[in-house]
Every structure is written in C-alpha cells, then in structure tokens.
Amino acid sequence: MKNFDEENLREEYTPKKHTGLDEAKKLDKKAKFPAYMFTYTFGVVGALILGIGMCLSMQVIASGVGMIVLGVILGILGIAMISANYPIYKHILMVRKEKYASQIILALNQDKCE
C-alpha cells in the first residue's frame, strides 16, 4: 500500500511529458465542441418553441382562434427543429472531423516516430 501511495505522489509531482496523444485529444475536442454546442442550443430552442406552441394551442397562455392557429404553427416549427437537429449535428461533426483529421493523424504519428 505504501508503494502505491508513493507512486501516486511521485506521478502527481513529476512534470508531465507532452505527447502526440495529448495533442490529438485536444484537437479532437476542438473538432467536436462546435457540433455539441450547436446541437444542445438548437435542441433546447426547438423544444421551447414546441412547448410555447403547445401552450398556445391548448389556450394555457392566451385564448382565441388566432392563438390556436399560431400555437399549431409554432408546434410544427418546433417539431421540425427537433427532427432536423440530429442530421445537422452529424453534418457539422463530419465537416469538422474532415477539417482536423490530418492534424490529428499527424499528432498520433508523432509518438510513433519518437
């Protein structure tokens, strides 16, 4: 047990060597982050629009025939946004991966050369 604690402390305070794998992981996060941010934001906005449309069409927020029609239109728009979210995410992710693929492969091959 003492050796394990000693190794952990030694590892914690020993300067880390920056490897190609670390660079590749950083580039991978950089490639995926915009796709994640867009997906979460677009999905939340779509769900909110759908919810507002449902409230209007069920006359929870306002009443009147015009509000029901507006609610149905907003509901359909929200459903369309939510349905389109995943294909848009996949497209953004594919484009970003293509953009960073050569740099990531180069960083991974850097470790093999050393």
N, C-alpha and C. Protein backbone atom coordinates (compact mmCIF):
# COMPACT_ATOMS: atom_id res chain seq x y z
N MET A 1 0.83 -1.19 0.00
CA MET A 1 0.00 0.00 0.00
C MET A 1 0.87 1.25 0.00
N LYS A 2 1.98 1.19 0.72
CA LYS A 2 2.87 2.34 0.82
C LYS A 2 3.48 2.66 -0.54
N ASN A 3 3.87 1.63 -1.30
CA ASN A 3 4.45 1.84 -2.62
C ASN A 3 3.44 2.48 -3.57
N PHE A 4 2.19 2.08 -3.47
CA PHE A 4 1.14 2.63 -4.32
C PHE A 4 0.96 4.12 -4.04
N ASP A 5 0.90 4.50 -2.78
CA ASP A 5 0.77 5.91 -2.41
C ASP A 5 1.99 6.70 -2.85
N GLU A 6 3.14 6.10 -2.67
CA GLU A 6 4.39 6.76 -3.07
C GLU A 6 4.41 6.99 -4.59
N GLU A 7 3.99 5.99 -5.35
CA GLU A 7 3.94 6.13 -6.81
C GLU A 7 2.96 7.21 -7.24
N ASN A 8 1.81 7.24 -6.59
CA ASN A 8 0.82 8.27 -6.93
C ASN A 8 1.36 9.67 -6.65
N LEU A 9 2.00 9.84 -5.50
CA LEU A 9 2.56 11.15 -5.18
C LEU A 9 3.68 11.52 -6.16
N ARG A 10 4.53 10.56 -6.45
CA ARG A 10 5.63 10.83 -7.39
C ARG A 10 5.08 11.21 -8.76
N GLU A 11 4.06 10.49 -9.21
CA GLU A 11 3.46 10.77 -10.51
C GLU A 11 2.78 12.14 -10.53
N GLU A 12 2.16 12.49 -9.41
CA GLU A 12 1.45 13.76 -9.33
C GLU A 12 2.39 14.95 -9.41
N TYR A 13 3.58 14.83 -8.83
CA TYR A 13 4.50 15.96 -8.78
C TYR A 13 5.62 15.90 -9.82
N THR A 14 5.65 14.86 -10.62
CA THR A 14 6.63 14.77 -11.69
C THR A 14 6.08 15.53 -12.90
N PRO A 15 6.92 16.34 -13.54
CA PRO A 15 6.43 17.08 -14.72
C PRO A 15 5.97 16.11 -15.81
N LYS A 16 4.83 16.42 -16.40
CA LYS A 16 4.26 15.57 -17.43
C LYS A 16 4.94 15.86 -18.77
N LYS A 17 5.20 14.80 -19.52
CA LYS A 17 5.75 14.95 -20.86
C LYS A 17 4.59 15.08 -21.84
N HIS A 18 4.60 16.12 -22.64
CA HIS A 18 3.54 16.36 -23.62
C HIS A 18 3.74 15.41 -24.80
N THR A 19 2.74 14.57 -25.08
CA THR A 19 2.86 13.58 -26.15
C THR A 19 1.93 13.95 -27.30
N GLY A 20 2.10 13.24 -28.38
CA GLY A 20 1.24 13.43 -29.54
C GLY A 20 -0.20 13.04 -29.25
N LEU A 21 -0.39 12.06 -28.36
CA LEU A 21 -1.74 11.65 -27.99
C LEU A 21 -2.47 12.79 -27.27
N ASP A 22 -1.75 13.52 -26.42
CA ASP A 22 -2.35 14.67 -25.75
C ASP A 22 -2.79 15.72 -26.77
N GLU A 23 -1.94 15.97 -27.74
CA GLU A 23 -2.27 16.94 -28.80
C GLU A 23 -3.46 16.45 -29.63
N ALA A 24 -3.49 15.15 -29.91
CA ALA A 24 -4.61 14.59 -30.69
C ALA A 24 -5.92 14.70 -29.92
N LYS A 25 -5.89 14.44 -28.61
CA LYS A 25 -7.10 14.57 -27.79
C LYS A 25 -7.58 16.02 -27.77
N LYS A 26 -6.65 16.96 -27.68
CA LYS A 26 -7.02 18.37 -27.67
C LYS A 26 -7.65 18.77 -29.00
N LEU A 27 -7.08 18.30 -30.10
CA LEU A 27 -7.64 18.59 -31.42
C LEU A 27 -9.01 17.93 -31.61
N ASP A 28 -9.17 16.73 -31.05
CA ASP A 28 -10.45 16.03 -31.15
C ASP A 28 -11.54 16.82 -30.42
N LYS A 29 -11.23 17.31 -29.24
CA LYS A 29 -12.20 18.14 -28.51
C LYS A 29 -12.51 19.42 -29.28
N LYS A 30 -11.48 20.01 -29.87
CA LYS A 30 -11.66 21.23 -30.65
C LYS A 30 -12.53 20.98 -31.87
N ALA A 31 -12.43 19.80 -32.44
CA ALA A 31 -13.24 19.46 -33.61
C ALA A 31 -14.70 19.21 -33.24
N LYS A 32 -14.95 18.60 -32.10
CA LYS A 32 -16.30 18.19 -31.72
C LYS A 32 -17.08 19.27 -30.97
N PHE A 33 -16.41 20.20 -30.31
CA PHE A 33 -17.09 21.17 -29.45
C PHE A 33 -18.14 22.02 -30.18
N PRO A 34 -17.86 22.59 -31.36
CA PRO A 34 -18.90 23.39 -32.03
C PRO A 34 -20.15 22.58 -32.39
N ALA A 35 -19.96 21.33 -32.76
CA ALA A 35 -21.11 20.48 -33.08
C ALA A 35 -21.95 20.24 -31.83
N TYR A 36 -21.30 19.97 -30.69
CA TYR A 36 -22.02 19.77 -29.45
C TYR A 36 -22.78 21.03 -29.04
N MET A 37 -22.12 22.16 -29.10
CA MET A 37 -22.76 23.41 -28.68
C MET A 37 -23.96 23.74 -29.57
N PHE A 38 -23.81 23.57 -30.87
CA PHE A 38 -24.94 23.83 -31.76
C PHE A 38 -26.10 22.90 -31.44
N THR A 39 -25.80 21.62 -31.27
CA THR A 39 -26.85 20.63 -31.04
C THR A 39 -27.63 20.92 -29.77
N TYR A 40 -26.93 21.19 -28.68
CA TYR A 40 -27.63 21.48 -27.43
C TYR A 40 -28.45 22.76 -27.54
N THR A 41 -27.88 23.80 -28.10
CA THR A 41 -28.59 25.08 -28.21
C THR A 41 -29.81 24.95 -29.13
N PHE A 42 -29.61 24.38 -30.31
CA PHE A 42 -30.70 24.24 -31.27
C PHE A 42 -31.80 23.33 -30.72
N GLY A 43 -31.42 22.27 -30.03
CA GLY A 43 -32.40 21.36 -29.45
C GLY A 43 -33.23 22.02 -28.35
N VAL A 44 -32.57 22.79 -27.50
CA VAL A 44 -33.30 23.48 -26.42
C VAL A 44 -34.24 24.52 -27.00
N VAL A 45 -33.77 25.29 -27.98
CA VAL A 45 -34.63 26.31 -28.60
C VAL A 45 -35.82 25.64 -29.29
N GLY A 46 -35.57 24.55 -30.00
CA GLY A 46 -36.66 23.82 -30.65
C GLY A 46 -37.67 23.29 -29.66
N ALA A 47 -37.19 22.76 -28.53
CA ALA A 47 -38.11 22.24 -27.50
C ALA A 47 -38.92 23.37 -26.87
N LEU A 48 -38.29 24.52 -26.66
CA LEU A 48 -39.02 25.66 -26.10
C LEU A 48 -40.10 26.17 -27.06
N ILE A 49 -39.75 26.23 -28.35
CA ILE A 49 -40.74 26.67 -29.34
C ILE A 49 -41.90 25.68 -29.41
N LEU A 50 -41.58 24.40 -29.37
CA LEU A 50 -42.63 23.38 -29.34
C LEU A 50 -43.52 23.54 -28.11
N GLY A 51 -42.91 23.78 -26.96
CA GLY A 51 -43.68 23.94 -25.73
C GLY A 51 -44.56 25.18 -25.76
N ILE A 52 -44.04 26.28 -26.28
CA ILE A 52 -44.84 27.50 -26.39
C ILE A 52 -46.01 27.26 -27.35
N GLY A 53 -45.74 26.57 -28.45
CA GLY A 53 -46.81 26.25 -29.39
C GLY A 53 -47.89 25.39 -28.76
N MET A 54 -47.47 24.42 -27.94
CA MET A 54 -48.46 23.57 -27.26
C MET A 54 -49.29 24.40 -26.28
N CYS A 55 -48.64 25.28 -25.55
CA CYS A 55 -49.37 26.11 -24.58
C CYS A 55 -50.36 27.03 -25.29
N LEU A 56 -49.95 27.59 -26.42
CA LEU A 56 -50.86 28.46 -27.16
C LEU A 56 -52.03 27.69 -27.76
N SER A 57 -51.75 26.52 -28.31
CA SER A 57 -52.83 25.75 -28.94
C SER A 57 -53.80 25.17 -27.92
N MET A 58 -53.35 24.92 -26.71
CA MET A 58 -54.26 24.44 -25.66
C MET A 58 -54.86 25.58 -24.85
N GLN A 59 -54.56 26.80 -25.24
CA GLN A 59 -55.08 28.01 -24.62
C GLN A 59 -54.69 28.13 -23.14
N VAL A 60 -53.49 27.72 -22.82
CA VAL A 60 -52.98 27.88 -21.47
C VAL A 60 -52.46 29.31 -21.28
N ILE A 61 -51.78 29.83 -22.29
CA ILE A 61 -51.19 31.17 -22.21
C ILE A 61 -52.21 32.23 -22.63
N ALA A 62 -52.82 32.05 -23.75
CA ALA A 62 -53.77 33.03 -24.29
C ALA A 62 -54.93 32.27 -24.93
N SER A 63 -56.02 32.97 -25.15
CA SER A 63 -57.18 32.32 -25.77
C SER A 63 -57.55 33.03 -27.05
N GLY A 64 -58.27 32.33 -27.89
CA GLY A 64 -58.71 32.87 -29.16
C GLY A 64 -58.31 31.95 -30.29
N VAL A 65 -59.06 32.05 -31.37
CA VAL A 65 -58.81 31.19 -32.53
C VAL A 65 -57.45 31.50 -33.14
N GLY A 66 -57.09 32.77 -33.18
CA GLY A 66 -55.80 33.16 -33.75
C GLY A 66 -54.63 32.57 -32.98
N MET A 67 -54.77 32.47 -31.66
CA MET A 67 -53.70 31.91 -30.83
C MET A 67 -53.58 30.40 -31.03
N ILE A 68 -54.72 29.74 -31.29
CA ILE A 68 -54.67 28.30 -31.55
C ILE A 68 -53.90 28.04 -32.84
N VAL A 69 -54.20 28.82 -33.87
CA VAL A 69 -53.50 28.66 -35.16
C VAL A 69 -52.02 28.97 -34.99
N LEU A 70 -51.70 30.06 -34.28
CA LEU A 70 -50.30 30.39 -34.02
C LEU A 70 -49.61 29.28 -33.24
N GLY A 71 -50.31 28.70 -32.27
CA GLY A 71 -49.75 27.60 -31.48
C GLY A 71 -49.46 26.38 -32.32
N VAL A 72 -50.36 26.05 -33.24
CA VAL A 72 -50.14 24.89 -34.11
C VAL A 72 -48.94 25.15 -35.02
N ILE A 73 -48.85 26.36 -35.55
CA ILE A 73 -47.71 26.70 -36.43
C ILE A 73 -46.40 26.63 -35.65
N LEU A 74 -46.38 27.20 -34.43
CA LEU A 74 -45.16 27.14 -33.61
C LEU A 74 -44.84 25.70 -33.22
N GLY A 75 -45.85 24.90 -32.93
CA GLY A 75 -45.62 23.50 -32.60
C GLY A 75 -44.99 22.73 -33.75
N ILE A 76 -45.50 22.97 -34.94
CA ILE A 76 -44.93 22.30 -36.12
C ILE A 76 -43.50 22.76 -36.35
N LEU A 77 -43.25 24.06 -36.16
CA LEU A 77 -41.88 24.58 -36.31
C LEU A 77 -40.95 23.94 -35.29
N GLY A 78 -41.41 23.82 -34.04
CA GLY A 78 -40.59 23.18 -33.01
C GLY A 78 -40.31 21.72 -33.31
N ILE A 79 -41.31 21.00 -33.79
CA ILE A 79 -41.12 19.59 -34.17
C ILE A 79 -40.12 19.48 -35.32
N ALA A 80 -40.21 20.40 -36.30
CA ALA A 80 -39.27 20.39 -37.42
C ALA A 80 -37.85 20.65 -36.94
N MET A 81 -37.69 21.60 -36.02
CA MET A 81 -36.35 21.90 -35.50
C MET A 81 -35.77 20.71 -34.75
N ILE A 82 -36.58 20.08 -33.92
CA ILE A 82 -36.10 18.93 -33.15
C ILE A 82 -35.77 17.77 -34.08
N SER A 83 -36.58 17.58 -35.11
CA SER A 83 -36.34 16.48 -36.06
C SER A 83 -35.08 16.72 -36.88
N ALA A 84 -34.79 17.97 -37.20
CA ALA A 84 -33.63 18.29 -38.02
C ALA A 84 -32.34 18.36 -37.21
N ASN A 85 -32.45 18.36 -35.89
CA ASN A 85 -31.28 18.57 -35.04
C ASN A 85 -30.20 17.51 -35.25
N TYR A 86 -30.56 16.24 -35.22
CA TYR A 86 -29.56 15.18 -35.33
C TYR A 86 -28.88 15.15 -36.70
N PRO A 87 -29.61 15.24 -37.82
CA PRO A 87 -28.90 15.27 -39.11
C PRO A 87 -27.96 16.48 -39.25
N ILE A 88 -28.38 17.62 -38.73
CA ILE A 88 -27.50 18.80 -38.77
C ILE A 88 -26.26 18.55 -37.93
N TYR A 89 -26.43 17.96 -36.75
CA TYR A 89 -25.30 17.62 -35.88
C TYR A 89 -24.32 16.70 -36.60
N LYS A 90 -24.85 15.65 -37.22
CA LYS A 90 -23.98 14.70 -37.93
C LYS A 90 -23.20 15.39 -39.04
N HIS A 91 -23.85 16.30 -39.75
CA HIS A 91 -23.18 17.02 -40.84
C HIS A 91 -22.07 17.92 -40.30
N ILE A 92 -22.38 18.69 -39.27
CA ILE A 92 -21.36 19.58 -38.69
C ILE A 92 -20.19 18.75 -38.17
N LEU A 93 -20.47 17.65 -37.50
CA LEU A 93 -19.41 16.80 -36.95
C LEU A 93 -18.55 16.21 -38.08
N MET A 94 -19.18 15.76 -39.17
CA MET A 94 -18.43 15.20 -40.28
C MET A 94 -17.50 16.25 -40.89
N VAL A 95 -18.02 17.46 -41.09
CA VAL A 95 -17.20 18.53 -41.68
C VAL A 95 -16.03 18.87 -40.76
N ARG A 96 -16.29 18.98 -39.46
CA ARG A 96 -15.23 19.32 -38.52
C ARG A 96 -14.19 18.20 -38.43
N LYS A 97 -14.63 16.94 -38.47
CA LYS A 97 -13.68 15.83 -38.43
C LYS A 97 -12.80 15.81 -39.67
N GLU A 98 -13.38 16.10 -40.82
CA GLU A 98 -12.59 16.16 -42.05
C GLU A 98 -11.56 17.29 -41.97
N LYS A 99 -11.95 18.39 -41.35
CA LYS A 99 -11.05 19.54 -41.24
C LYS A 99 -9.84 19.21 -40.35
N TYR A 100 -10.06 18.50 -39.26
CA TYR A 100 -8.99 18.23 -38.29
C TYR A 100 -8.36 16.85 -38.43
N ALA A 101 -8.83 16.04 -39.36
CA ALA A 101 -8.33 14.65 -39.47
C ALA A 101 -6.83 14.59 -39.72
N SER A 102 -6.34 15.39 -40.65
CA SER A 102 -4.91 15.31 -40.97
C SER A 102 -4.05 15.75 -39.79
N GLN A 103 -4.49 16.76 -39.06
CA GLN A 103 -3.72 17.23 -37.91
C GLN A 103 -3.72 16.19 -36.79
N ILE A 104 -4.85 15.53 -36.58
CA ILE A 104 -4.93 14.51 -35.54
C ILE A 104 -4.07 13.31 -35.89
N ILE A 105 -4.14 12.87 -37.14
CA ILE A 105 -3.31 11.74 -37.58
C ILE A 105 -1.83 12.09 -37.46
N LEU A 106 -1.48 13.31 -37.82
CA LEU A 106 -0.09 13.75 -37.72
C LEU A 106 0.37 13.75 -36.26
N ALA A 107 -0.48 14.21 -35.35
CA ALA A 107 -0.13 14.22 -33.93
C ALA A 107 0.01 12.80 -33.40
N LEU A 108 -0.84 11.88 -33.84
CA LEU A 108 -0.73 10.49 -33.39
C LEU A 108 0.52 9.82 -33.94
N ASN A 109 0.88 10.13 -35.17
CA ASN A 109 2.08 9.55 -35.77
C ASN A 109 3.34 10.13 -35.18
N GLN A 110 3.24 11.29 -34.54
CA GLN A 110 4.40 11.92 -33.92
C GLN A 110 4.95 11.03 -32.82
N ASP A 111 4.09 10.37 -32.06
CA ASP A 111 4.53 9.48 -30.99
C ASP A 111 5.28 8.27 -31.54
N LYS A 112 4.84 7.75 -32.69
CA LYS A 112 5.45 6.56 -33.27
C LYS A 112 6.84 6.86 -33.81
N CYS A 113 7.07 8.10 -34.23
CA CYS A 113 8.37 8.46 -34.79
C CYS A 113 9.42 8.64 -33.72
N GLU A 114 8.99 8.97 -32.52
CA GLU A 114 9.96 9.24 -31.44
C GLU A 114 10.46 8.00 -30.77
